[in-house]
Amino acid sequence: MRFQKGQSGNPGGRPKKLDDVVELARSYTAEAIERLVFWMRSKNAKVSAYASIALLDRGYGKPHQESTITIEKRDAVDWTRGELAAFLDDAVKAGSRTPAPDGRGGKSDRVH
């Protein structure tokens, strides 16, 4: 189905959240926290750990995760001739392994 030019594909916009449901759910916050505290004090270590994590996440937020990946972005004009030659050489070698647009990997489907 195509949309007419100038006409929104979603004229009603995003559905509005149900404020009543959110308000009702939040009315049980204290009871939910009390239940988590009950399970945190459980003798079952697994249940206790999960409840403790849930309480900490709600009280302090989930811990941030750090990434140790670094990406060096350089313009081609900053590369040495050797780096450019190596890059092009790798690209040519990789090109020989690239499947052809017909999906046959550049190989004939004939058996001779």
PDB file of N, CA and C in Angstrom:
ATOM      1  N   MET A   1       0.842  -1.171   0.000  1.00  0.00           N
ATOM      2  CA  MET A   1       0.000   0.000   0.000  1.00  0.00           C
ATOM      3  C   MET A   1       0.888   1.235   0.000  1.00  0.00           C
ATOM      4  N   ARG A   2       0.599   2.172  -0.882  1.00  0.00           N
ATOM      5  CA  ARG A   2       1.377   3.406  -0.947  1.00  0.00           C
ATOM      6  C   ARG A   2       0.598   4.544  -0.314  1.00  0.00           C
ATOM      7  N   PHE A   3       1.324   5.447   0.294  1.00  0.00           N
ATOM      8  CA  PHE A   3       0.701   6.619   0.889  1.00  0.00           C
ATOM      9  C   PHE A   3       0.682   7.745  -0.128  1.00  0.00           C
ATOM     10  N   GLN A   4      -0.341   8.555  -0.035  1.00  0.00           N
ATOM     11  CA  GLN A   4      -0.412   9.699  -0.924  1.00  0.00           C
ATOM     12  C   GLN A   4       0.570  10.757  -0.439  1.00  0.00           C
ATOM     13  N   LYS A   5       1.123  11.486  -1.399  1.00  0.00           N
ATOM     14  CA  LYS A   5       2.092  12.523  -1.071  1.00  0.00           C
ATOM     15  C   LYS A   5       1.445  13.550  -0.147  1.00  0.00           C
ATOM     16  N   GLY A   6       2.173  13.885   0.921  1.00  0.00           N
ATOM     17  CA  GLY A   6       1.684  14.873   1.873  1.00  0.00           C
ATOM     18  C   GLY A   6       0.742  14.306   2.926  1.00  0.00           C
ATOM     19  N   GLN A   7       0.474  13.011   2.893  1.00  0.00           N
ATOM     20  CA  GLN A   7      -0.424  12.389   3.854  1.00  0.00           C
ATOM     21  C   GLN A   7       0.382  11.468   4.767  1.00  0.00           C
ATOM     22  N   SER A   8       0.159  11.586   6.057  1.00  0.00           N
ATOM     23  CA  SER A   8       0.888  10.775   7.026  1.00  0.00           C
ATOM     24  C   SER A   8       0.454   9.324   6.958  1.00  0.00           C
ATOM     25  N   GLY A   9       1.405   8.423   7.113  1.00  0.00           N
ATOM     26  CA  GLY A   9       1.091   7.009   7.176  1.00  0.00           C
ATOM     27  C   GLY A   9       0.547   6.611   8.532  1.00  0.00           C
ATOM     28  N   ASN A  10       0.670   7.501   9.502  1.00  0.00           N
ATOM     29  CA  ASN A  10       0.177   7.248  10.854  1.00  0.00           C
ATOM     30  C   ASN A  10      -0.495   8.524  11.360  1.00  0.00           C
ATOM     31  N   PRO A  11      -1.699   8.833  10.835  1.00  0.00           N
ATOM     32  CA  PRO A  11      -2.323  10.111  11.157  1.00  0.00           C
ATOM     33  C   PRO A  11      -2.644  10.295  12.637  1.00  0.00           C
ATOM     34  N   GLY A  12      -2.857   9.208  13.359  1.00  0.00           N
ATOM     35  CA  GLY A  12      -3.162   9.331  14.785  1.00  0.00           C
ATOM     36  C   GLY A  12      -1.921   9.548  15.630  1.00  0.00           C
ATOM     37  N   GLY A  13      -0.758   9.399  15.006  1.00  0.00           N
ATOM     38  CA  GLY A  13       0.498   9.531  15.745  1.00  0.00           C
ATOM     39  C   GLY A  13       0.749   8.316  16.613  1.00  0.00           C
ATOM     40  N   ARG A  14       1.739   8.441  17.448  1.00  0.00           N
ATOM     41  CA  ARG A  14       2.064   7.369  18.374  1.00  0.00           C
ATOM     42  C   ARG A  14       0.939   7.192  19.378  1.00  0.00           C
ATOM     43  N   PRO A  15       0.620   5.940  19.738  1.00  0.00           N
ATOM     44  CA  PRO A  15      -0.431   5.761  20.746  1.00  0.00           C
ATOM     45  C   PRO A  15       0.001   6.366  22.081  1.00  0.00           C
ATOM     46  N   LYS A  16      -0.929   7.005  22.756  1.00  0.00           N
ATOM     47  CA  LYS A  16      -0.638   7.619  24.048  1.00  0.00           C
ATOM     48  C   LYS A  16      -0.556   6.526  25.108  1.00  0.00           C
ATOM     49  N   LYS A  17       0.373   6.695  26.049  1.00  0.00           N
ATOM     50  CA  LYS A  17       0.454   5.677  27.093  1.00  0.00           C
ATOM     51  C   LYS A  17      -0.763   5.802  27.994  1.00  0.00           C
ATOM     52  N   LEU A  18      -1.130   4.719  28.554  1.00  0.00           N
ATOM     53  CA  LEU A  18      -2.309   4.691  29.403  1.00  0.00           C
ATOM     54  C   LEU A  18      -1.932   5.192  30.791  1.00  0.00           C
ATOM     55  N   ASP A  19      -2.204   6.473  31.033  1.00  0.00           N
ATOM     56  CA  ASP A  19      -1.828   7.089  32.302  1.00  0.00           C
ATOM     57  C   ASP A  19      -2.452   6.372  33.485  1.00  0.00           C
ATOM     58  N   ASP A  20      -3.679   5.859  33.316  1.00  0.00           N
ATOM     59  CA  ASP A  20      -4.339   5.158  34.412  1.00  0.00           C
ATOM     60  C   ASP A  20      -3.580   3.889  34.799  1.00  0.00           C
ATOM     61  N   VAL A  21      -3.086   3.166  33.803  1.00  0.00           N
ATOM     62  CA  VAL A  21      -2.363   1.921  34.062  1.00  0.00           C
ATOM     63  C   VAL A  21      -1.045   2.227  34.763  1.00  0.00           C
ATOM     64  N   VAL A  22      -0.335   3.249  34.285  1.00  0.00           N
ATOM     65  CA  VAL A  22       0.932   3.636  34.899  1.00  0.00           C
ATOM     66  C   VAL A  22       0.704   4.054  36.340  1.00  0.00           C
ATOM     67  N   GLU A  23      -0.310   4.847  36.553  1.00  0.00           N
ATOM     68  CA  GLU A  23      -0.618   5.324  37.903  1.00  0.00           C
ATOM     69  C   GLU A  23      -0.983   4.154  38.825  1.00  0.00           C
ATOM     70  N   LEU A  24      -1.777   3.213  38.308  1.00  0.00           N
ATOM     71  CA  LEU A  24      -2.165   2.049  39.098  1.00  0.00           C
ATOM     72  C   LEU A  24      -0.939   1.200  39.455  1.00  0.00           C
ATOM     73  N   ALA A  25      -0.071   0.965  38.469  1.00  0.00           N
ATOM     74  CA  ALA A  25       1.135   0.167  38.721  1.00  0.00           C
ATOM     75  C   ALA A  25       2.017   0.841  39.762  1.00  0.00           C
ATOM     76  N   ARG A  26       2.158   2.147  39.662  1.00  0.00           N
ATOM     77  CA  ARG A  26       3.005   2.865  40.619  1.00  0.00           C
ATOM     78  C   ARG A  26       2.411   2.875  42.016  1.00  0.00           C
ATOM     79  N   SER A  27       1.104   2.702  42.125  1.00  0.00           N
ATOM     80  CA  SER A  27       0.483   2.679  43.453  1.00  0.00           C
ATOM     81  C   SER A  27       0.919   1.449  44.245  1.00  0.00           C
ATOM     82  N   TYR A  28       1.443   0.429  43.576  1.00  0.00           N
ATOM     83  CA  TYR A  28       1.900  -0.785  44.238  1.00  0.00           C
ATOM     84  C   TYR A  28       3.410  -0.787  44.493  1.00  0.00           C
ATOM     85  N   THR A  29       4.079   0.319  44.277  1.00  0.00           N
ATOM     86  CA  THR A  29       5.531   0.372  44.420  1.00  0.00           C
ATOM     87  C   THR A  29       5.989  -0.034  45.818  1.00  0.00           C
ATOM     88  N   ALA A  30       5.390   0.542  46.843  1.00  0.00           N
ATOM     89  CA  ALA A  30       5.820   0.250  48.215  1.00  0.00           C
ATOM     90  C   ALA A  30       5.634  -1.233  48.525  1.00  0.00           C
ATOM     91  N   GLU A  31       4.500  -1.795  48.112  1.00  0.00           N
ATOM     92  CA  GLU A  31       4.243  -3.212  48.360  1.00  0.00           C
ATOM     93  C   GLU A  31       5.235  -4.098  47.608  1.00  0.00           C
ATOM     94  N   ALA A  32       5.566  -3.707  46.389  1.00  0.00           N
ATOM     95  CA  ALA A  32       6.529  -4.480  45.592  1.00  0.00           C
ATOM     96  C   ALA A  32       7.912  -4.438  46.230  1.00  0.00           C
ATOM     97  N   ILE A  33       8.298  -3.276  46.730  1.00  0.00           N
ATOM     98  CA  ILE A  33       9.602  -3.148  47.404  1.00  0.00           C
ATOM     99  C   ILE A  33       9.622  -4.010  48.662  1.00  0.00           C
ATOM    100  N   GLU A  34       8.519  -3.992  49.420  1.00  0.00           N
ATOM    101  CA  GLU A  34       8.445  -4.823  50.621  1.00  0.00           C
ATOM    102  C   GLU A  34       8.594  -6.303  50.265  1.00  0.00           C
ATOM    103  N   ARG A  35       7.996  -6.716  49.150  1.00  0.00           N
ATOM    104  CA  ARG A  35       8.094  -8.112  48.727  1.00  0.00           C
ATOM    105  C   ARG A  35       9.523  -8.459  48.326  1.00  0.00           C
ATOM    106  N   LEU A  36      10.183  -7.538  47.625  1.00  0.00           N
ATOM    107  CA  LEU A  36      11.580  -7.761  47.259  1.00  0.00           C
ATOM    108  C   LEU A  36      12.458  -7.883  48.496  1.00  0.00           C
ATOM    109  N   VAL A  37      12.183  -7.066  49.519  1.00  0.00           N
ATOM    110  CA  VAL A  37      12.943  -7.144  50.773  1.00  0.00           C
ATOM    111  C   VAL A  37      12.713  -8.505  51.433  1.00  0.00           C
ATOM    112  N   PHE A  38      11.454  -8.986  51.404  1.00  0.00           N
ATOM    113  CA  PHE A  38      11.146 -10.306  51.948  1.00  0.00           C
ATOM    114  C   PHE A  38      11.997 -11.366  51.263  1.00  0.00           C
ATOM    115  N   TRP A  39      12.038 -11.350  49.926  1.00  0.00           N
ATOM    116  CA  TRP A  39      12.807 -12.353  49.189  1.00  0.00           C
ATOM    117  C   TRP A  39      14.307 -12.147  49.349  1.00  0.00           C
ATOM    118  N   MET A  40      14.742 -10.899  49.535  1.00  0.00           N
ATOM    119  CA  MET A  40      16.161 -10.633  49.753  1.00  0.00           C
ATOM    120  C   MET A  40      16.638 -11.320  51.037  1.00  0.00           C
ATOM    121  N   ARG A  41      15.765 -11.394  52.022  1.00  0.00           N
ATOM    122  CA  ARG A  41      16.110 -12.007  53.313  1.00  0.00           C
ATOM    123  C   ARG A  41      15.900 -13.519  53.324  1.00  0.00           C
ATOM    124  N   SER A  42      15.578 -14.081  52.176  1.00  0.00           N
ATOM    125  CA  SER A  42      15.340 -15.515  52.059  1.00  0.00           C
ATOM    126  C   SER A  42      16.625 -16.302  52.313  1.00  0.00           C
ATOM    127  N   LYS A  43      16.454 -17.535  52.773  1.00  0.00           N
ATOM    128  CA  LYS A  43      17.604 -18.427  52.965  1.00  0.00           C
ATOM    129  C   LYS A  43      18.113 -18.972  51.631  1.00  0.00           C
ATOM    130  N   ASN A  44      17.271 -18.908  50.599  1.00  0.00           N
ATOM    131  CA  ASN A  44      17.646 -19.359  49.263  1.00  0.00           C
ATOM    132  C   ASN A  44      18.585 -18.309  48.654  1.00  0.00           C
ATOM    133  N   ALA A  45      19.838 -18.660  48.489  1.00  0.00           N
ATOM    134  CA  ALA A  45      20.848 -17.699  48.034  1.00  0.00           C
ATOM    135  C   ALA A  45      20.525 -17.129  46.660  1.00  0.00           C
ATOM    136  N   LYS A  46      20.022 -17.971  45.767  1.00  0.00           N
ATOM    137  CA  LYS A  46      19.726 -17.510  44.407  1.00  0.00           C
ATOM    138  C   LYS A  46      18.604 -16.467  44.418  1.00  0.00           C
ATOM    139  N   VAL A  47      17.532 -16.759  45.131  1.00  0.00           N
ATOM    140  CA  VAL A  47      16.401 -15.836  45.227  1.00  0.00           C
ATOM    141  C   VAL A  47      16.841 -14.543  45.916  1.00  0.00           C
ATOM    142  N   SER A  48      17.618 -14.688  46.966  1.00  0.00           N
ATOM    143  CA  SER A  48      18.100 -13.532  47.715  1.00  0.00           C
ATOM    144  C   SER A  48      18.960 -12.624  46.840  1.00  0.00           C
ATOM    145  N   ALA A  49      19.820 -13.230  46.037  1.00  0.00           N
ATOM    146  CA  ALA A  49      20.692 -12.444  45.156  1.00  0.00           C
ATOM    147  C   ALA A  49      19.881 -11.680  44.115  1.00  0.00           C
ATOM    148  N   TYR A  50      18.917 -12.348  43.480  1.00  0.00           N
ATOM    149  CA  TYR A  50      18.100 -11.673  42.475  1.00  0.00           C
ATOM    150  C   TYR A  50      17.305 -10.516  43.082  1.00  0.00           C
ATOM    151  N   ALA A  51      16.740 -10.729  44.264  1.00  0.00           N
ATOM    152  CA  ALA A  51      15.974  -9.673  44.920  1.00  0.00           C
ATOM    153  C   ALA A  51      16.890  -8.512  45.311  1.00  0.00           C
ATOM    154  N   SER A  52      18.081  -8.825  45.778  1.00  0.00           N
ATOM    155  CA  SER A  52      19.036  -7.777  46.150  1.00  0.00           C
ATOM    156  C   SER A  52      19.423  -6.944  44.939  1.00  0.00           C
ATOM    157  N   ILE A  53      19.685  -7.604  43.827  1.00  0.00           N
ATOM    158  CA  ILE A  53      20.034  -6.892  42.594  1.00  0.00           C
ATOM    159  C   ILE A  53      18.882  -5.996  42.150  1.00  0.00           C
ATOM    160  N   ALA A  54      17.656  -6.529  42.217  1.00  0.00           N
ATOM    161  CA  ALA A  54      16.488  -5.740  41.815  1.00  0.00           C
ATOM    162  C   ALA A  54      16.352  -4.492  42.682  1.00  0.00           C
ATOM    163  N   LEU A  55      16.557  -4.639  43.979  1.00  0.00           N
ATOM    164  CA  LEU A  55      16.459  -3.483  44.876  1.00  0.00           C
ATOM    165  C   LEU A  55      17.551  -2.459  44.580  1.00  0.00           C
ATOM    166  N   LEU A  56      18.769  -2.925  44.398  1.00  0.00           N
ATOM    167  CA  LEU A  56      19.875  -2.011  44.103  1.00  0.00           C
ATOM    168  C   LEU A  56      19.658  -1.293  42.775  1.00  0.00           C
ATOM    169  N   ASP A  57      19.183  -2.033  41.759  1.00  0.00           N
ATOM    170  CA  ASP A  57      18.933  -1.416  40.457  1.00  0.00           C
ATOM    171  C   ASP A  57      17.874  -0.317  40.564  1.00  0.00           C
ATOM    172  N   ARG A  58      16.855  -0.552  41.363  1.00  0.00           N
ATOM    173  CA  ARG A  58      15.795   0.447  41.497  1.00  0.00           C
ATOM    174  C   ARG A  58      16.243   1.631  42.344  1.00  0.00           C
ATOM    175  N   GLY A  59      17.107   1.361  43.311  1.00  0.00           N
ATOM    176  CA  GLY A  59      17.566   2.435  44.190  1.00  0.00           C
ATOM    177  C   GLY A  59      18.677   3.283  43.601  1.00  0.00           C
ATOM    178  N   TYR A  60      19.561   2.653  42.843  1.00  0.00           N
ATOM    179  CA  TYR A  60      20.740   3.360  42.347  1.00  0.00           C
ATOM    180  C   TYR A  60      20.880   3.321  40.832  1.00  0.00           C
ATOM    181  N   GLY A  61      20.014   2.585  40.155  1.00  0.00           N
ATOM    182  CA  GLY A  61      20.139   2.430  38.704  1.00  0.00           C
ATOM    183  C   GLY A  61      21.108   1.309  38.396  1.00  0.00           C
ATOM    184  N   LYS A  62      20.985   0.793  37.193  1.00  0.00           N
ATOM    185  CA  LYS A  62      21.887  -0.291  36.792  1.00  0.00           C
ATOM    186  C   LYS A  62      23.288   0.263  36.584  1.00  0.00           C
ATOM    187  N   PRO A  63      24.309  -0.519  36.901  1.00  0.00           N
ATOM    188  CA  PRO A  63      25.683  -0.040  36.713  1.00  0.00           C
ATOM    189  C   PRO A  63      25.982   0.192  35.235  1.00  0.00           C
ATOM    190  N   HIS A  64      26.767   1.204  34.960  1.00  0.00           N
ATOM    191  CA  HIS A  64      27.175   1.489  33.591  1.00  0.00           C
ATOM    192  C   HIS A  64      28.171   0.438  33.131  1.00  0.00           C
ATOM    193  N   GLN A  65      28.072   0.096  31.865  1.00  0.00           N
ATOM    194  CA  GLN A  65      29.020  -0.860  31.308  1.00  0.00           C
ATOM    195  C   GLN A  65      30.020  -0.092  30.465  1.00  0.00           C
ATOM    196  N   GLU A  66      31.277  -0.369  30.705  1.00  0.00           N
ATOM    197  CA  GLU A  66      32.318   0.304  29.946  1.00  0.00           C
ATOM    198  C   GLU A  66      32.752  -0.551  28.775  1.00  0.00           C
ATOM    199  N   SER A  67      33.140   0.107  27.727  1.00  0.00           N
ATOM    200  CA  SER A  67      33.646  -0.585  26.549  1.00  0.00           C
ATOM    201  C   SER A  67      35.130  -0.290  26.431  1.00  0.00           C
ATOM    202  N   THR A  68      35.891  -1.317  26.111  1.00  0.00           N
ATOM    203  CA  THR A  68      37.332  -1.123  25.962  1.00  0.00           C
ATOM    204  C   THR A  68      37.733  -1.075  24.489  1.00  0.00           C
ATOM    205  N   ILE A  69      36.734  -0.988  23.618  1.00  0.00           N
ATOM    206  CA  ILE A  69      37.018  -0.941  22.187  1.00  0.00           C
ATOM    207  C   ILE A  69      37.380   0.483  21.786  1.00  0.00           C
ATOM    208  N   THR A  70      38.470   0.612  21.075  1.00  0.00           N
ATOM    209  CA  THR A  70      38.841   1.913  20.536  1.00  0.00           C
ATOM    210  C   THR A  70      38.963   1.786  19.026  1.00  0.00           C
ATOM    211  N   ILE A  71      38.468   2.776  18.351  1.00  0.00           N
ATOM    212  CA  ILE A  71      38.512   2.774  16.896  1.00  0.00           C
ATOM    213  C   ILE A  71      39.297   3.994  16.441  1.00  0.00           C
ATOM    214  N   GLU A  72      40.306   3.733  15.660  1.00  0.00           N
ATOM    215  CA  GLU A  72      41.114   4.822  15.129  1.00  0.00           C
ATOM    216  C   GLU A  72      40.564   5.194  13.762  1.00  0.00           C
ATOM    217  N   LYS A  73      40.057   6.407  13.657  1.00  0.00           N
ATOM    218  CA  LYS A  73      39.507   6.866  12.388  1.00  0.00           C
ATOM    219  C   LYS A  73      40.514   7.828  11.770  1.00  0.00           C
ATOM    220  N   ARG A  74      40.942   7.477  10.563  1.00  0.00           N
ATOM    221  CA  ARG A  74      41.912   8.318   9.868  1.00  0.00           C
ATOM    222  C   ARG A  74      41.433   8.559   8.450  1.00  0.00           C
ATOM    223  N   ASP A  75      41.734   9.712   7.932  1.00  0.00           N
ATOM    224  CA  ASP A  75      41.457  10.001   6.533  1.00  0.00           C
ATOM    225  C   ASP A  75      42.511   9.320   5.674  1.00  0.00           C
ATOM    226  N   ALA A  76      42.120   8.935   4.477  1.00  0.00           N
ATOM    227  CA  ALA A  76      43.053   8.266   3.569  1.00  0.00           C
ATOM    228  C   ALA A  76      44.258   9.147   3.248  1.00  0.00           C
ATOM    229  N   VAL A  77      44.081  10.466   3.283  1.00  0.00           N
ATOM    230  CA  VAL A  77      45.210  11.364   2.982  1.00  0.00           C
ATOM    231  C   VAL A  77      46.288  11.287   4.052  1.00  0.00           C
ATOM    232  N   ASP A  78      45.941  10.773   5.226  1.00  0.00           N
ATOM    233  CA  ASP A  78      46.909  10.655   6.309  1.00  0.00           C
ATOM    234  C   ASP A  78      47.669   9.332   6.279  1.00  0.00           C
ATOM    235  N   TRP A  79      47.284   8.404   5.390  1.00  0.00           N
ATOM    236  CA  TRP A  79      47.916   7.105   5.310  1.00  0.00           C
ATOM    237  C   TRP A  79      49.225   7.205   4.535  1.00  0.00           C
ATOM    238  N   THR A  80      50.150   6.339   4.879  1.00  0.00           N
ATOM    239  CA  THR A  80      51.394   6.272   4.105  1.00  0.00           C
ATOM    240  C   THR A  80      51.119   5.484   2.826  1.00  0.00           C
ATOM    241  N   ARG A  81      52.017   5.572   1.877  1.00  0.00           N
ATOM    242  CA  ARG A  81      51.864   4.804   0.633  1.00  0.00           C
ATOM    243  C   ARG A  81      51.828   3.308   0.915  1.00  0.00           C
ATOM    244  N   GLY A  82      52.639   2.881   1.865  1.00  0.00           N
ATOM    245  CA  GLY A  82      52.670   1.466   2.232  1.00  0.00           C
ATOM    246  C   GLY A  82      51.341   0.996   2.817  1.00  0.00           C
ATOM    247  N   GLU A  83      50.742   1.826   3.674  1.00  0.00           N
ATOM    248  CA  GLU A  83      49.450   1.461   4.261  1.00  0.00           C
ATOM    249  C   GLU A  83      48.365   1.401   3.187  1.00  0.00           C
ATOM    250  N   LEU A  84      48.374   2.376   2.275  1.00  0.00           N
ATOM    251  CA  LEU A  84      47.396   2.373   1.186  1.00  0.00           C
ATOM    252  C   LEU A  84      47.573   1.148   0.292  1.00  0.00           C
ATOM    253  N   ALA A  85      48.823   0.822  -0.017  1.00  0.00           N
ATOM    254  CA  ALA A  85      49.096  -0.338  -0.869  1.00  0.00           C
ATOM    255  C   ALA A  85      48.627  -1.623  -0.187  1.00  0.00           C
ATOM    256  N   ALA A  86      48.885  -1.747   1.118  1.00  0.00           N
ATOM    257  CA  ALA A  86      48.462  -2.933   1.860  1.00  0.00           C
ATOM    258  C   ALA A  86      46.934  -3.020   1.911  1.00  0.00           C
ATOM    259  N   PHE A  87      46.283  -1.872   2.109  1.00  0.00           N
ATOM    260  CA  PHE A  87      44.817  -1.841   2.143  1.00  0.00           C
ATOM    261  C   PHE A  87      44.239  -2.292   0.805  1.00  0.00           C
ATOM    262  N   LEU A  88      44.772  -1.751  -0.283  1.00  0.00           N
ATOM    263  CA  LEU A  88      44.286  -2.114  -1.612  1.00  0.00           C
ATOM    264  C   LEU A  88      44.577  -3.579  -1.925  1.00  0.00           C
ATOM    265  N   ASP A  89      45.738  -4.046  -1.514  1.00  0.00           N
ATOM    266  CA  ASP A  89      46.084  -5.451  -1.724  1.00  0.00           C
ATOM    267  C   ASP A  89      45.095  -6.363  -0.990  1.00  0.00           C
ATOM    268  N   ASP A  90      44.789  -6.016   0.274  1.00  0.00           N
ATOM    269  CA  ASP A  90      43.810  -6.789   1.043  1.00  0.00           C
ATOM    270  C   ASP A  90      42.431  -6.743   0.390  1.00  0.00           C
ATOM    271  N   ALA A  91      42.055  -5.570  -0.133  1.00  0.00           N
ATOM    272  CA  ALA A  91      40.750  -5.431  -0.777  1.00  0.00           C
ATOM    273  C   ALA A  91      40.664  -6.293  -2.031  1.00  0.00           C
ATOM    274  N   VAL A  92      41.751  -6.341  -2.800  1.00  0.00           N
ATOM    275  CA  VAL A  92      41.773  -7.156  -4.012  1.00  0.00           C
ATOM    276  C   VAL A  92      41.672  -8.630  -3.638  1.00  0.00           C
ATOM    277  N   LYS A  93      42.415  -9.047  -2.610  1.00  0.00           N
ATOM    278  CA  LYS A  93      42.359 -10.445  -2.174  1.00  0.00           C
ATOM    279  C   LYS A  93      40.969 -10.790  -1.643  1.00  0.00           C
ATOM    280  N   ALA A  94      40.381  -9.891  -0.887  1.00  0.00           N
ATOM    281  CA  ALA A  94      39.040 -10.134  -0.355  1.00  0.00           C
ATOM    282  C   ALA A  94      38.019 -10.163  -1.481  1.00  0.00           C
ATOM    283  N   GLY A  95      38.246  -9.378  -2.523  1.00  0.00           N
ATOM    284  CA  GLY A  95      37.326  -9.335  -3.657  1.00  0.00           C
ATOM    285  C   GLY A  95      37.234 -10.657  -4.367  1.00  0.00           C
ATOM    286  N   SER A  96      38.299 -11.429  -4.357  1.00  0.00           N
ATOM    287  CA  SER A  96      38.275 -12.730  -5.024  1.00  0.00           C
ATOM    288  C   SER A  96      37.442 -13.733  -4.242  1.00  0.00           C
ATOM    289  N   ARG A  97      37.163 -13.431  -2.947  1.00  0.00           N
ATOM    290  CA  ARG A  97      36.338 -14.318  -2.126  1.00  0.00           C
ATOM    291  C   ARG A  97      34.898 -13.830  -2.037  1.00  0.00           C
ATOM    292  N   THR A  98      34.615 -12.675  -2.635  1.00  0.00           N
ATOM    293  CA  THR A  98      33.283 -12.098  -2.553  1.00  0.00           C
ATOM    294  C   THR A  98      32.352 -12.796  -3.528  1.00  0.00           C
ATOM    295  N   PRO A  99      31.171 -13.231  -3.078  1.00  0.00           N
ATOM    296  CA  PRO A  99      30.238 -13.887  -3.987  1.00  0.00           C
ATOM    297  C   PRO A  99      29.769 -12.934  -5.082  1.00  0.00           C
ATOM    298  N   ALA A 100      29.574 -13.479  -6.252  1.00  0.00           N
ATOM    299  CA  ALA A 100      29.069 -12.691  -7.369  1.00  0.00           C
ATOM    300  C   ALA A 100      27.607 -12.336  -7.101  1.00  0.00           C
ATOM    301  N   PRO A 101      27.106 -11.296  -7.774  1.00  0.00           N
ATOM    302  CA  PRO A 101      25.716 -10.896  -7.550  1.00  0.00           C
ATOM    303  C   PRO A 101      24.711 -12.013  -7.816  1.00  0.00           C
ATOM    304  N   ASP A 102      25.086 -13.004  -8.657  1.00  0.00           N
ATOM    305  CA  ASP A 102      24.152 -14.092  -8.941  1.00  0.00           C
ATOM    306  C   ASP A 102      24.135 -15.136  -7.819  1.00  0.00           C
ATOM    307  N   GLY A 103      24.957 -14.930  -6.776  1.00  0.00           N
ATOM    308  CA  GLY A 103      24.964 -15.828  -5.628  1.00  0.00           C
ATOM    309  C   GLY A 103      25.804 -17.076  -5.814  1.00  0.00           C
ATOM    310  N   ARG A 104      26.505 -17.202  -6.927  1.00  0.00           N
ATOM    311  CA  ARG A 104      27.284 -18.417  -7.177  1.00  0.00           C
ATOM    312  C   ARG A 104      28.744 -18.260  -6.796  1.00  0.00           C
ATOM    313  N   GLY A 105      29.096 -17.130  -6.197  1.00  0.00           N
ATOM    314  CA  GLY A 105      30.475 -16.949  -5.771  1.00  0.00           C
ATOM    315  C   GLY A 105      31.442 -16.803  -6.930  1.00  0.00           C
ATOM    316  N   GLY A 106      30.953 -16.366  -8.092  1.00  0.00           N
ATOM    317  CA  GLY A 106      31.814 -16.150  -9.236  1.00  0.00           C
ATOM    318  C   GLY A 106      32.171 -17.429  -9.955  1.00  0.00           C
ATOM    319  N   LYS A 107      31.623 -18.556  -9.555  1.00  0.00           N
ATOM    320  CA  LYS A 107      31.957 -19.847 -10.161  1.00  0.00           C
ATOM    321  C   LYS A 107      30.824 -20.264 -11.113  1.00  0.00           C
ATOM    322  N   SER A 108      31.180 -20.960 -12.126  1.00  0.00           N
ATOM    323  CA  SER A 108      30.222 -21.461 -13.078  1.00  0.00           C
ATOM    324  C   SER A 108      29.408 -22.586 -12.436  1.00  0.00           C
ATOM    325  N   ASP A 109      28.148 -22.709 -12.854  1.00  0.00           N
ATOM    326  CA  ASP A 109      27.354 -23.796 -12.322  1.00  0.00           C
ATOM    327  C   ASP A 109      27.419 -25.042 -13.217  1.00  0.00           C
ATOM    328  N   ARG A 110      28.289 -24.975 -14.214  1.00  0.00           N
ATOM    329  CA  ARG A 110      28.475 -26.120 -15.102  1.00  0.00           C
ATOM    330  C   ARG A 110      29.465 -27.096 -14.496  1.00  0.00           C
ATOM    331  N   VAL A 111      29.240 -28.365 -14.752  1.00  0.00           N
ATOM    332  CA  VAL A 111      30.165 -29.393 -14.266  1.00  0.00           C
ATOM    333  C   VAL A 111      30.810 -30.028 -15.483  1.00  0.00           C
ATOM    334  N   HIS A 112      32.108 -29.763 -15.745  1.00  0.00           N
ATOM    335  CA  HIS A 112      32.862 -30.329 -16.864  1.00  0.00           C
ATOM    336  C   HIS A 112      34.214 -30.762 -16.390  1.00  0.00           C
TER     337      HIS A 112
END
